[in-house]
Amino acid sequence: MKKTATVEDMATRQFYVRAQIRTEDGAKREIIIPRPDCSEPRPLKRKLLDAGAIFPAKAKVKGFLADFMDAESPRQLKRVAQSGWLNGNQTFALQTRVIGQDKSSFIGLPSPPNCDERGWFKSVGTAETWKTRVAPLAISSSSFMLSAAAAFAAPLLDLCKEQSFSICLYGPTRSGKSVATLIGASVVGLGSVRQLPRWHASDSGQEELLPLFNDCLAAIDDFESIRGTESEKYRRIRGFSYGVEAGAEKHRHSSFAPASKTWRTILITSMEKSIDELAKALGEERKGGETIRMVSVPVLIEGHAHIFDRAAADGIAVSPEWTTIWFEKVIKACAENHGEVFIRYLSKLCRDPKKVRSWAKKYIADFVADVSLPEDGDGARDIARKFGLIYAGGRLAVRFKLVPWKRAEVKGAICACYRAARDSLPDEGVALREGVGVLTKLLLSLKPKKEIADYEAAPGYRIKTANGYRYYIRKEKFNMAFHTRAQCELVLKWLVETKRIATSKPRGKNKARGPKQQFGWPGDKRVRSYRIKMPKIDKAT
């Protein structure tokens, strides 16, 4: 019998000794003994007997135990409290193993009693087979690529000092939401939907599970499994979206160390309708902080009736039969290849975390610069940065040759998902973009001045100028064109700021210019109206 290591459990802050013994059947076996039991002969003897150890003759037992208690452990190890970064981003603990520069000093989490437990990572296949069998299938859909890139992005949260967030893919039944979630899950080591955690667990149960996904993608099955009424579902989703970003349990127990009850993660799940639609059906409105913590992303984007927007753009005739076959291919490929590509990816991150951080920050900045618009509100800017992090994960996977994708394909897919998510935000920038679109259609509907016979019935008219057109439009027609009064006010403000609308002189000190609201029309009649100058626009604008 000999000591092989002394281990500190980082979750409980307790120590125990690893020992190798020979049992009655002659086999060697490694056992674990709490360190206090190694300091007294009686509890030590009891532990050894329970484990089946062979003892020497009775007269030598005392000396035998004393020699063991006095022996130095050849190694000092730490059992990690949770998955994630260790040692200044040079070492990474997965559920099943430790990767990186100081991996020999740590041991992974204890295995669960049931090896098929939901949420427990496994490695099947190789990084190369995931690259050649799963990754090419993901190119068919922006949602598929988003999910995979999010898995590569999750370890960058700590490197780039970004906050956790959640993504909810939504679309009708059998649209491919769960398959999209599965592709991201296959990166980290979950090969089938039945291995994904489910929402039917309590909030406390979910919070205890999240540390297993610290610095990893947390892929959770459909929100539809939440129990309760629609109102109870929405309130739970809303609360959980804040909890994921907070990164710590609300409910603590004295038997757990704080180190094992925190997390950084990108959570991805799905639902048949958007969370915004669920809220509206209940007569509620999602708050801005809620929408940026759990981002709703439609899987049916850019007018498509199916999830395979990129396949359709490549000229593939996406039929129901083709869709069924493709889903089956993805499910089979993920079942046979998962986990190993993430291990290789983490190994590359651990080699030079400073350089990886520099690359990732550049990718984020490039993405945000490309997708941002001057009229974007705070919500859209925040979402852009989150999708920029996901883009950075995809770009690093390309850089490390872990996927057969091109940089333009990654950017195109993430941009498409970002725009679809941004356009559903309760954000002033989104409302303004929609309002400018409404204004454009309204102005296009106005006839040239010389073609109007009855100015009493006309909503307005246009006059050609050297740089475009000057439009005169009745104020009441202008106001009625927009979805809400707030949107109308946003468009008027934009027209004033961009000097596209005639303004009146300010009255009094510190008064801002406002739109002039009365002009002379043909027939020597003054009409309550606006005069707008715009560059040439057409139906393609």
Protein backbone atom coordinates (compact mmCIF):
# COMPACT_ATOMS: atom_id res chain seq x y z
CA MET A 1 0.00 0.00 0.00
CA LYS A 2 1.29 3.50 -0.88
CA LYS A 3 0.16 7.08 -1.16
CA THR A 4 -0.09 8.38 -4.72
CA ALA A 5 -1.31 11.96 -4.11
CA THR A 6 -2.91 14.42 -1.73
CA VAL A 7 -5.91 16.11 -3.29
CA GLU A 8 -7.62 19.36 -2.34
CA ASP A 9 -11.29 19.49 -3.33
CA MET A 10 -11.79 23.08 -4.52
CA ALA A 11 -15.57 22.80 -4.07
CA THR A 12 -15.56 21.78 -0.40
CA ARG A 13 -12.06 23.02 0.58
CA GLN A 14 -11.40 19.58 2.10
CA PHE A 15 -8.37 17.34 1.55
CA TYR A 16 -8.15 13.62 0.95
CA VAL A 17 -5.43 11.11 0.15
CA ARG A 18 -5.22 8.86 -2.86
CA ALA A 19 -3.71 5.48 -2.10
CA GLN A 20 -2.94 2.36 -4.09
CA ILE A 21 -3.64 -0.97 -2.39
CA ARG A 22 -3.62 -4.66 -3.25
CA THR A 23 -6.91 -6.45 -2.55
CA GLU A 24 -7.79 -10.02 -1.58
CA ASP A 25 -8.07 -11.09 -5.21
CA GLY A 26 -4.55 -9.83 -5.95
CA ALA A 27 -5.69 -6.83 -7.99
CA LYS A 28 -4.34 -3.32 -7.54
CA ARG A 29 -6.89 -0.69 -6.69
CA GLU A 30 -6.85 3.06 -6.07
CA ILE A 31 -8.89 4.32 -3.15
CA ILE A 32 -9.67 7.70 -1.60
CA ILE A 33 -9.28 8.33 2.13
CA PRO A 34 -10.26 11.59 3.88
CA ARG A 35 -7.11 13.19 5.20
CA PRO A 36 -8.24 13.20 8.88
CA ASP A 37 -8.63 9.41 8.68
CA CYS A 38 -4.97 9.11 7.67
CA SER A 39 -3.77 10.56 10.97
CA GLU A 40 -5.21 7.92 13.32
CA PRO A 41 -4.56 4.14 13.10
CA ARG A 42 -8.10 2.94 13.90
CA PRO A 43 -10.10 4.94 11.29
CA LEU A 44 -7.34 4.31 8.75
CA LYS A 45 -7.44 0.55 9.37
CA ARG A 46 -11.24 0.55 9.06
CA LYS A 47 -11.09 2.40 5.72
CA LEU A 48 -8.51 -0.02 4.36
CA LEU A 49 -10.43 -3.08 5.49
CA ASP A 50 -13.63 -1.72 3.91
CA ALA A 51 -11.74 -1.30 0.64
CA GLY A 52 -10.47 -4.92 0.77
CA ALA A 53 -6.79 -4.20 1.48
CA ILE A 54 -4.45 -7.07 2.47
CA PHE A 55 -2.66 -6.56 5.80
CA PRO A 56 0.64 -8.08 6.97
CA ALA A 57 0.92 -10.30 10.01
CA LYS A 58 -0.85 -8.98 13.11
CA ALA A 59 2.39 -8.02 14.84
CA LYS A 60 3.38 -5.78 11.93
CA VAL A 61 0.06 -4.00 11.39
CA LYS A 62 0.88 -1.12 13.73
CA GLY A 63 4.17 -0.38 12.00
CA PHE A 64 2.54 -0.86 8.62
CA LEU A 65 -0.08 1.79 9.38
CA ALA A 66 2.50 4.14 10.95
CA ASP A 67 4.67 3.96 7.82
CA PHE A 68 1.68 4.86 5.66
CA MET A 69 0.67 7.79 7.88
CA ASP A 70 4.22 9.20 7.94
CA ALA A 71 4.83 8.82 4.20
CA GLU A 72 4.91 11.98 2.05
CA SER A 73 2.51 12.22 -0.88
CA PRO A 74 4.47 12.30 -4.14
CA ARG A 75 1.98 14.73 -5.76
CA GLN A 76 -0.21 17.62 -4.66
CA LEU A 77 -3.35 17.90 -6.77
CA LYS A 78 -6.53 19.97 -6.85
CA ARG A 79 -9.94 18.66 -7.85
CA VAL A 80 -11.73 21.42 -9.71
CA ALA A 81 -14.99 22.79 -8.36
CA GLN A 82 -16.51 23.38 -11.79
CA SER A 83 -15.69 23.56 -15.46
CA GLY A 84 -13.85 26.57 -16.87
CA TRP A 85 -10.64 28.55 -16.90
CA LEU A 86 -7.90 28.06 -14.30
CA ASN A 87 -4.45 29.43 -13.69
CA GLY A 88 -4.68 32.71 -15.61
CA ASN A 89 -6.38 31.28 -18.71
CA GLN A 90 -3.57 28.80 -19.29
CA THR A 91 -5.52 25.74 -18.13
CA PHE A 92 -9.12 24.72 -18.77
CA ALA A 93 -11.18 22.20 -16.83
CA LEU A 94 -13.83 20.30 -18.73
CA GLN A 95 -16.27 18.01 -16.94
CA THR A 96 -14.21 14.98 -17.93
CA ARG A 97 -10.62 16.22 -18.16
CA VAL A 98 -8.23 19.13 -17.70
CA ILE A 99 -6.50 20.75 -20.68
CA GLY A 100 -3.61 23.18 -20.97
CA GLN A 101 -0.24 24.16 -19.61
CA ASP A 102 -0.72 23.06 -15.97
CA LYS A 103 -3.13 20.17 -16.48
CA SER A 104 -1.03 17.76 -14.38
CA SER A 105 -1.81 19.78 -11.23
CA PHE A 106 -5.58 19.40 -11.51
CA ILE A 107 -8.10 16.61 -11.80
CA GLY A 108 -11.59 16.90 -13.29
CA LEU A 109 -15.02 16.76 -11.74
CA PRO A 110 -16.26 13.49 -10.20
CA SER A 111 -18.20 11.42 -12.72
CA PRO A 112 -21.97 11.21 -12.14
CA PRO A 113 -23.45 7.87 -10.99
CA ASN A 114 -25.22 7.58 -14.34
CA CYS A 115 -22.87 8.02 -17.31
CA ASP A 116 -25.87 8.96 -19.51
CA GLU A 117 -26.90 11.83 -17.24
CA ARG A 118 -28.26 14.82 -19.15
CA GLY A 119 -25.72 17.60 -19.56
CA TRP A 120 -22.64 15.42 -18.99
CA PHE A 121 -20.12 15.84 -21.81
CA LYS A 122 -18.73 12.88 -23.75
CA SER A 123 -16.22 12.55 -26.56
CA VAL A 124 -17.10 10.43 -29.58
CA GLY A 125 -15.26 10.40 -32.88
CA THR A 126 -12.38 12.81 -33.53
CA ALA A 127 -11.95 16.51 -34.19
CA GLU A 128 -11.32 15.65 -37.84
CA THR A 129 -14.52 13.63 -38.21
CA TRP A 130 -16.55 16.45 -36.63
CA LYS A 131 -14.93 18.83 -39.11
CA THR A 132 -15.68 16.63 -42.12
CA ARG A 133 -19.12 15.30 -41.12
CA VAL A 134 -20.91 17.86 -38.92
CA ALA A 135 -19.42 21.25 -39.85
CA PRO A 136 -20.20 20.96 -43.61
CA LEU A 137 -23.86 20.28 -42.80
CA ALA A 138 -23.99 23.44 -40.68
CA ILE A 139 -23.15 25.64 -43.70
CA SER A 140 -26.71 25.11 -44.97
CA SER A 141 -28.25 27.35 -42.29
CA SER A 142 -27.33 30.62 -40.59
CA SER A 143 -28.97 29.30 -37.39
CA PHE A 144 -26.83 26.14 -37.51
CA MET A 145 -23.64 28.19 -37.91
CA LEU A 146 -24.72 30.57 -35.15
CA SER A 147 -25.14 27.66 -32.73
CA ALA A 148 -21.75 26.13 -33.56
CA ALA A 149 -19.97 29.49 -33.42
CA ALA A 150 -21.59 30.21 -30.03
CA ALA A 151 -20.02 27.00 -28.69
CA PHE A 152 -16.58 28.20 -29.81
CA ALA A 153 -17.32 31.66 -28.38
CA ALA A 154 -18.24 30.64 -24.82
CA PRO A 155 -14.61 30.25 -23.59
CA LEU A 156 -13.95 33.79 -24.87
CA LEU A 157 -16.31 35.35 -22.30
CA ASP A 158 -13.62 35.37 -19.62
CA LEU A 159 -10.77 36.15 -22.01
CA CYS A 160 -12.59 39.25 -23.34
CA LYS A 161 -14.31 40.14 -20.04
CA GLU A 162 -17.81 39.87 -21.50
CA GLN A 163 -20.97 38.99 -19.59
CA SER A 164 -22.99 35.81 -19.95
CA PHE A 165 -26.10 35.88 -22.11
CA SER A 166 -28.77 33.59 -23.57
CA ILE A 167 -30.12 32.94 -27.05
CA CYS A 168 -33.62 31.62 -27.71
CA LEU A 169 -34.10 30.25 -31.23
CA TYR A 170 -37.76 30.39 -32.16
CA GLY A 171 -39.87 29.07 -34.99
CA PRO A 172 -42.82 26.78 -35.70
CA THR A 173 -42.90 23.08 -34.84
CA ARG A 174 -40.44 20.95 -36.83
CA SER A 175 -38.66 24.00 -38.21
CA GLY A 176 -35.28 22.74 -36.95
CA LYS A 177 -34.81 24.70 -33.70
CA SER A 178 -33.73 21.67 -31.68
CA VAL A 179 -31.45 20.47 -34.48
CA ALA A 180 -29.76 23.89 -34.50
CA THR A 181 -29.27 23.67 -30.73
CA LEU A 182 -27.87 20.16 -31.16
CA ILE A 183 -25.14 21.34 -33.55
CA GLY A 184 -23.75 23.70 -30.91
CA ALA A 185 -24.12 20.98 -28.27
CA SER A 186 -22.13 18.55 -30.43
CA VAL A 187 -19.15 20.91 -30.30
CA VAL A 188 -18.89 20.70 -26.51
CA GLY A 189 -19.80 17.02 -26.15
CA LEU A 190 -23.55 16.38 -26.21
CA GLY A 191 -24.47 14.21 -29.18
CA SER A 192 -28.25 13.93 -29.03
CA VAL A 193 -31.28 15.93 -27.94
CA ARG A 194 -32.00 13.40 -25.19
CA GLN A 195 -28.62 14.29 -23.63
CA LEU A 196 -29.55 17.97 -23.34
CA PRO A 197 -30.76 19.28 -19.97
CA ARG A 198 -34.46 20.12 -19.93
CA TRP A 199 -36.41 23.03 -18.52
CA HIS A 200 -38.78 20.89 -16.45
CA ALA A 201 -36.22 21.04 -13.60
CA SER A 202 -36.73 23.72 -10.94
CA ASP A 203 -34.81 27.00 -11.05
CA SER A 204 -32.61 25.77 -8.22
CA GLY A 205 -31.94 22.58 -10.16
CA GLN A 206 -31.00 24.55 -13.28
CA GLU A 207 -28.71 26.82 -11.27
CA GLU A 208 -26.91 23.82 -9.79
CA LEU A 209 -26.39 22.52 -13.34
CA LEU A 210 -24.93 25.72 -14.82
CA PRO A 211 -21.50 25.47 -13.11
CA LEU A 212 -20.98 22.29 -15.18
CA PHE A 213 -21.13 24.59 -18.25
CA ASN A 214 -18.90 27.34 -16.87
CA ASP A 215 -17.00 28.91 -19.81
CA CYS A 216 -18.82 26.47 -22.11
CA LEU A 217 -21.99 26.55 -24.18
CA ALA A 218 -25.02 25.55 -22.09
CA ALA A 219 -27.39 23.90 -24.57
CA ILE A 220 -30.82 23.28 -23.01
CA ASP A 221 -33.79 21.67 -24.73
CA ASP A 222 -36.99 23.45 -25.77
CA PHE A 223 -38.69 25.97 -23.43
CA GLU A 224 -41.96 24.18 -24.17
CA SER A 225 -41.06 21.65 -21.45
CA ILE A 226 -41.50 24.30 -18.74
CA ARG A 227 -44.42 23.36 -16.53
CA GLY A 228 -47.23 25.73 -15.65
CA THR A 229 -49.41 28.34 -17.30
CA GLU A 230 -48.21 30.70 -20.05
CA SER A 231 -47.88 33.43 -17.43
CA GLU A 232 -45.80 31.19 -15.16
CA LYS A 233 -43.60 30.21 -18.11
CA TYR A 234 -42.95 33.81 -19.07
CA ARG A 235 -42.11 34.90 -15.54
CA ARG A 236 -39.72 32.01 -15.14
CA ILE A 237 -38.03 32.75 -18.47
CA ARG A 238 -37.70 36.41 -17.52
CA GLY A 239 -36.20 35.61 -14.14
CA PHE A 240 -33.84 33.04 -15.53
CA SER A 241 -32.56 35.40 -18.25
CA TYR A 242 -31.37 37.76 -15.52
CA GLY A 243 -29.95 34.88 -13.48
CA VAL A 244 -27.81 33.56 -16.34
CA GLU A 245 -26.13 36.93 -16.80
CA ALA A 246 -25.68 37.39 -13.04
CA GLY A 247 -23.57 34.22 -13.06
CA ALA A 248 -24.33 33.12 -9.50
CA GLU A 249 -27.00 31.16 -7.70
CA LYS A 250 -29.70 33.00 -5.81
CA HIS A 251 -30.13 30.01 -3.47
CA ARG A 252 -27.00 28.87 -1.68
CA HIS A 253 -26.49 26.01 0.75
CA SER A 254 -23.78 25.82 3.37
CA SER A 255 -22.61 22.45 2.04
CA PHE A 256 -21.42 24.08 -1.19
CA ALA A 257 -18.48 26.41 -1.57
CA PRO A 258 -19.13 29.68 -3.39
CA ALA A 259 -16.49 28.78 -5.99
CA SER A 260 -18.67 25.97 -7.29
CA LYS A 261 -21.82 28.07 -7.58
CA THR A 262 -20.83 30.63 -10.19
CA TRP A 263 -20.61 30.54 -13.97
CA ARG A 264 -19.94 32.32 -17.23
CA THR A 265 -21.83 30.85 -20.15
CA ILE A 266 -23.63 31.36 -23.40
CA LEU A 267 -26.96 29.57 -23.01
CA ILE A 268 -28.86 28.44 -26.09
CA THR A 269 -32.39 27.06 -26.11
CA SER A 270 -35.50 27.18 -28.29
CA MET A 271 -39.23 27.90 -28.34
CA GLU A 272 -42.09 27.81 -30.85
CA LYS A 273 -42.79 31.53 -30.56
CA SER A 274 -40.59 34.41 -29.54
CA ILE A 275 -40.47 35.46 -25.92
CA ASP A 276 -41.70 38.88 -27.08
CA GLU A 277 -44.82 37.23 -28.56
CA LEU A 278 -45.37 35.30 -25.34
CA ALA A 279 -45.15 38.53 -23.35
CA LYS A 280 -47.55 40.40 -25.66
CA ALA A 281 -50.09 37.56 -25.48
CA LEU A 282 -50.10 38.08 -21.71
CA GLY A 283 -50.50 41.84 -22.07
CA GLU A 284 -46.93 42.54 -20.98
CA GLU A 285 -43.94 44.16 -22.65
CA ARG A 286 -40.38 42.89 -22.32
CA LYS A 287 -38.02 45.39 -20.75
CA GLY A 288 -34.90 46.44 -22.60
CA GLY A 289 -32.61 44.79 -20.05
CA GLU A 290 -34.46 41.51 -20.45
CA THR A 291 -34.25 41.50 -24.25
CA ILE A 292 -30.48 41.93 -24.30
CA ARG A 293 -29.94 39.21 -21.69
CA MET A 294 -31.98 36.59 -23.53
CA VAL A 295 -31.97 37.39 -27.23
CA SER A 296 -34.79 36.03 -29.39
CA VAL A 297 -33.49 34.86 -32.79
CA PRO A 298 -35.90 33.56 -35.47
CA VAL A 299 -34.75 30.45 -37.34
CA LEU A 300 -36.88 31.48 -40.33
CA ILE A 301 -35.07 34.56 -41.60
CA GLU A 302 -34.94 36.71 -44.73
CA GLY A 303 -38.41 35.63 -45.82
CA HIS A 304 -37.69 31.89 -45.93
CA ALA A 305 -40.28 29.30 -44.92
CA HIS A 306 -37.52 26.94 -43.72
CA ILE A 307 -34.31 27.11 -41.68
CA PHE A 308 -31.99 26.46 -44.64
CA ASP A 309 -31.53 30.05 -45.81
CA ARG A 310 -27.93 29.54 -46.91
CA ALA A 311 -28.72 26.39 -48.88
CA ALA A 312 -31.50 28.25 -50.70
CA ALA A 313 -29.09 31.12 -51.47
CA ASP A 314 -26.74 28.57 -53.06
CA GLY A 315 -29.50 27.47 -55.44
CA ILE A 316 -30.56 24.27 -53.65
CA ALA A 317 -34.26 23.46 -54.03
CA VAL A 318 -35.20 23.04 -50.37
CA SER A 319 -38.25 20.76 -50.35
CA PRO A 320 -39.91 19.03 -47.37
CA GLU A 321 -38.25 15.78 -48.48
CA TRP A 322 -34.83 17.43 -48.71
CA THR A 323 -35.35 19.02 -45.28
CA THR A 324 -36.21 15.68 -43.66
CA ILE A 325 -33.15 13.99 -45.14
CA TRP A 326 -30.87 16.86 -44.07
CA PHE A 327 -32.16 16.83 -40.50
CA GLU A 328 -31.55 13.08 -40.33
CA LYS A 329 -27.99 13.57 -41.59
CA VAL A 330 -27.28 16.22 -38.95
CA ILE A 331 -28.73 14.15 -36.10
CA LYS A 332 -26.72 11.06 -37.14
CA ALA A 333 -23.50 13.03 -37.64
CA CYS A 334 -23.78 14.71 -34.22
CA ALA A 335 -24.47 11.37 -32.50
CA GLU A 336 -21.31 9.90 -33.99
CA ASN A 337 -19.04 12.95 -33.61
CA HIS A 338 -19.06 15.23 -30.58
CA GLY A 339 -16.73 16.68 -27.97
CA GLU A 340 -13.29 16.10 -29.48
CA VAL A 341 -13.30 19.27 -31.59
CA PHE A 342 -13.84 21.37 -28.45
CA ILE A 343 -10.92 19.67 -26.69
CA ARG A 344 -8.65 20.55 -29.61
CA TYR A 345 -10.00 24.11 -29.70
CA LEU A 346 -9.33 24.61 -25.97
CA SER A 347 -5.81 23.23 -26.36
CA LYS A 348 -5.12 25.93 -28.92
CA LEU A 349 -6.60 28.66 -26.71
CA CYS A 350 -4.42 27.57 -23.78
CA ARG A 351 -1.18 27.80 -25.78
CA ASP A 352 -1.27 31.59 -26.02
CA PRO A 353 -4.33 33.16 -24.32
CA LYS A 354 -2.98 36.72 -24.74
CA LYS A 355 -2.76 36.37 -28.51
CA VAL A 356 -6.20 34.73 -28.65
CA ARG A 357 -7.63 37.61 -26.61
CA SER A 358 -6.12 40.09 -29.07
CA TRP A 359 -7.58 38.25 -32.08
CA ALA A 360 -10.99 37.91 -30.47
CA LYS A 361 -11.24 41.59 -29.53
CA LYS A 362 -10.32 42.59 -33.09
CA TYR A 363 -12.98 40.27 -34.54
CA ILE A 364 -15.60 41.69 -32.17
CA ALA A 365 -14.70 45.28 -33.06
CA ASP A 366 -14.74 44.51 -36.80
CA PHE A 367 -18.16 42.89 -36.57
CA VAL A 368 -19.68 45.71 -34.52
CA ALA A 369 -18.31 48.30 -36.94
CA ASP A 370 -19.78 46.44 -39.93
CA VAL A 371 -23.30 45.96 -38.59
CA SER A 372 -23.85 49.13 -36.58
CA LEU A 373 -25.93 52.02 -37.89
CA PRO A 374 -25.90 55.64 -36.66
CA GLU A 375 -29.51 55.38 -35.48
CA ASP A 376 -28.96 52.23 -33.38
CA GLY A 377 -30.05 52.46 -29.77
CA ASP A 378 -28.26 51.04 -26.75
CA GLY A 379 -30.05 47.70 -27.07
CA ALA A 380 -28.96 47.16 -30.66
CA ARG A 381 -25.37 48.10 -29.80
CA ASP A 382 -25.32 45.65 -26.91
CA ILE A 383 -26.72 42.86 -29.09
CA ALA A 384 -24.15 43.68 -31.80
CA ARG A 385 -21.34 43.11 -29.30
CA LYS A 386 -22.78 39.78 -28.20
CA PHE A 387 -23.08 38.58 -31.79
CA GLY A 388 -19.59 39.96 -32.36
CA LEU A 389 -18.33 37.59 -29.66
CA ILE A 390 -20.09 34.70 -31.41
CA TYR A 391 -18.51 35.78 -34.69
CA ALA A 392 -15.11 35.81 -32.96
CA GLY A 393 -15.68 32.19 -31.87
CA GLY A 394 -16.47 31.18 -35.45
CA ARG A 395 -13.48 33.09 -36.83
CA LEU A 396 -11.11 31.43 -34.38
CA ALA A 397 -12.46 28.03 -35.40
CA VAL A 398 -11.66 28.98 -39.01
CA ARG A 399 -8.22 30.26 -38.03
CA PHE A 400 -7.42 27.02 -36.19
CA LYS A 401 -8.68 24.98 -39.18
CA LEU A 402 -11.32 23.22 -37.08
CA VAL A 403 -14.11 23.93 -39.59
CA PRO A 404 -14.18 23.92 -43.40
CA TRP A 405 -15.85 27.32 -43.45
CA LYS A 406 -14.69 30.55 -45.05
CA ARG A 407 -14.49 33.83 -43.14
CA ALA A 408 -17.14 35.39 -45.36
CA GLU A 409 -19.51 32.47 -44.66
CA VAL A 410 -19.14 32.93 -40.90
CA LYS A 411 -19.73 36.68 -41.10
CA GLY A 412 -22.68 36.29 -43.46
CA ALA A 413 -24.41 33.78 -41.19
CA ILE A 414 -23.86 35.68 -37.94
CA CYS A 415 -24.84 38.99 -39.57
CA ALA A 416 -28.09 37.47 -40.86
CA CYS A 417 -28.99 36.20 -37.38
CA TYR A 418 -27.98 39.49 -35.78
CA ARG A 419 -30.17 41.55 -38.09
CA ALA A 420 -33.12 39.24 -37.52
CA ALA A 421 -32.65 39.54 -33.75
CA ARG A 422 -32.08 43.30 -33.88
CA ASP A 423 -35.24 43.92 -35.85
CA SER A 424 -37.35 42.36 -33.11
CA LEU A 425 -35.89 44.50 -30.33
CA PRO A 426 -37.97 47.14 -28.53
CA ASP A 427 -35.24 49.54 -29.55
CA GLU A 428 -35.45 53.12 -30.84
CA GLY A 429 -32.99 52.31 -33.59
CA VAL A 430 -35.19 49.47 -34.81
CA ALA A 431 -38.31 51.65 -34.66
CA LEU A 432 -36.52 54.42 -36.55
CA ARG A 433 -35.32 52.06 -39.29
CA GLU A 434 -38.86 50.79 -39.74
CA GLY A 435 -40.15 54.36 -39.69
CA VAL A 436 -37.71 55.49 -42.37
CA GLY A 437 -38.91 52.56 -44.49
CA VAL A 438 -42.52 53.68 -43.99
CA LEU A 439 -41.54 57.25 -44.92
CA THR A 440 -39.77 56.05 -48.08
CA LYS A 441 -42.88 54.17 -49.26
CA LEU A 442 -45.05 57.17 -48.44
CA LEU A 443 -42.86 59.56 -50.43
CA LEU A 444 -42.72 57.14 -53.38
CA SER A 445 -46.52 57.17 -53.48
CA LEU A 446 -46.63 60.94 -54.10
CA LYS A 447 -47.18 62.05 -57.69
CA PRO A 448 -45.23 64.80 -59.46
CA LYS A 449 -46.80 68.25 -59.11
CA LYS A 450 -47.71 68.52 -62.80
CA GLU A 451 -49.69 65.23 -62.73
CA ILE A 452 -52.08 66.29 -59.96
CA ALA A 453 -55.47 67.63 -61.00
CA ASP A 454 -57.14 68.00 -57.61
CA TYR A 455 -54.90 69.26 -54.80
CA GLU A 456 -57.79 69.12 -52.34
CA ALA A 457 -57.81 65.30 -52.49
CA ALA A 458 -54.07 64.76 -52.94
CA PRO A 459 -52.05 63.69 -49.83
CA GLY A 460 -49.11 65.59 -51.27
CA TYR A 461 -46.89 66.04 -54.29
CA ARG A 462 -43.25 66.09 -55.31
CA ILE A 463 -41.02 68.45 -57.26
CA LYS A 464 -37.81 67.34 -58.96
CA THR A 465 -34.66 69.24 -57.93
CA ALA A 466 -31.02 69.05 -58.95
CA ASN A 467 -30.13 66.75 -56.04
CA GLY A 468 -33.29 64.68 -55.75
CA TYR A 469 -36.83 65.67 -54.84
CA ARG A 470 -38.70 68.09 -52.63
CA TYR A 471 -41.84 66.56 -51.14
CA TYR A 472 -44.87 68.36 -49.73
CA ILE A 473 -47.13 66.11 -47.65
CA ARG A 474 -50.15 66.84 -45.51
CA LYS A 475 -49.37 66.60 -41.79
CA GLU A 476 -52.34 64.33 -41.06
CA LYS A 477 -51.30 61.88 -43.81
CA PHE A 478 -47.74 61.90 -42.49
CA ASN A 479 -48.83 61.19 -38.90
CA MET A 480 -51.23 58.39 -39.89
CA ALA A 481 -48.58 56.52 -41.89
CA PHE A 482 -46.57 55.27 -38.89
CA HIS A 483 -47.24 52.34 -36.57
CA THR A 484 -47.13 54.43 -33.39
CA ARG A 485 -46.95 58.04 -32.37
CA ALA A 486 -43.52 57.37 -30.86
CA GLN A 487 -42.26 56.12 -34.21
CA CYS A 488 -43.63 59.22 -35.92
CA GLU A 489 -41.78 61.43 -33.43
CA LEU A 490 -38.54 59.49 -33.99
CA VAL A 491 -38.78 60.00 -37.76
CA LEU A 492 -39.50 63.72 -37.36
CA LYS A 493 -36.51 64.05 -35.03
CA TRP A 494 -34.32 62.23 -37.56
CA LEU A 495 -35.51 64.48 -40.39
CA VAL A 496 -34.66 67.58 -38.35
CA GLU A 497 -31.23 66.29 -37.27
CA THR A 498 -30.30 65.31 -40.82
CA LYS A 499 -31.65 68.63 -42.20
CA ARG A 500 -34.10 66.85 -44.51
CA ILE A 501 -37.18 68.77 -43.36
CA ALA A 502 -37.94 72.48 -43.39
CA THR A 503 -37.79 73.87 -39.87
CA SER A 504 -39.30 76.92 -38.20
CA LYS A 505 -37.30 79.52 -36.36
CA PRO A 506 -36.86 78.74 -32.65
CA ARG A 507 -38.79 80.89 -30.22
CA GLY A 508 -37.07 82.17 -27.13
CA LYS A 509 -33.67 81.22 -25.81
CA ASN A 510 -32.37 77.62 -25.91
CA LYS A 511 -35.31 76.47 -28.04
CA ALA A 512 -34.53 73.79 -30.62
CA ARG A 513 -35.76 74.08 -34.18
CA GLY A 514 -38.86 72.04 -34.96
CA PRO A 515 -40.50 71.07 -38.25
CA LYS A 516 -42.29 73.90 -40.03
CA GLN A 517 -45.93 72.84 -40.27
CA GLN A 518 -47.59 75.12 -42.84
CA PHE A 519 -46.81 75.84 -46.49
CA GLY A 520 -48.44 77.45 -49.49
CA TRP A 521 -49.77 74.89 -51.97
CA PRO A 522 -50.84 75.40 -55.60
CA GLY A 523 -54.02 77.48 -55.78
CA ASP A 524 -52.72 80.05 -53.29
CA LYS A 525 -53.84 77.94 -50.37
CA ARG A 526 -51.92 77.37 -47.16
CA VAL A 527 -52.00 73.78 -45.92
CA ARG A 528 -50.80 72.19 -42.68
CA SER A 529 -48.00 70.12 -44.16
CA TYR A 530 -44.32 69.24 -44.09
CA ARG A 531 -41.68 69.95 -46.72
CA ILE A 532 -39.08 67.20 -46.98
CA LYS A 533 -35.91 67.10 -49.04
CA MET A 534 -34.59 63.66 -49.98
CA PRO A 535 -32.04 62.36 -52.44
CA LYS A 536 -33.47 60.40 -55.34
CA ILE A 537 -35.24 57.26 -54.14
CA ASP A 538 -36.85 54.45 -56.06
CA LYS A 539 -38.66 51.20 -55.33
CA ALA A 540 -35.39 49.33 -54.85
CA THR A 541 -34.27 51.65 -52.02
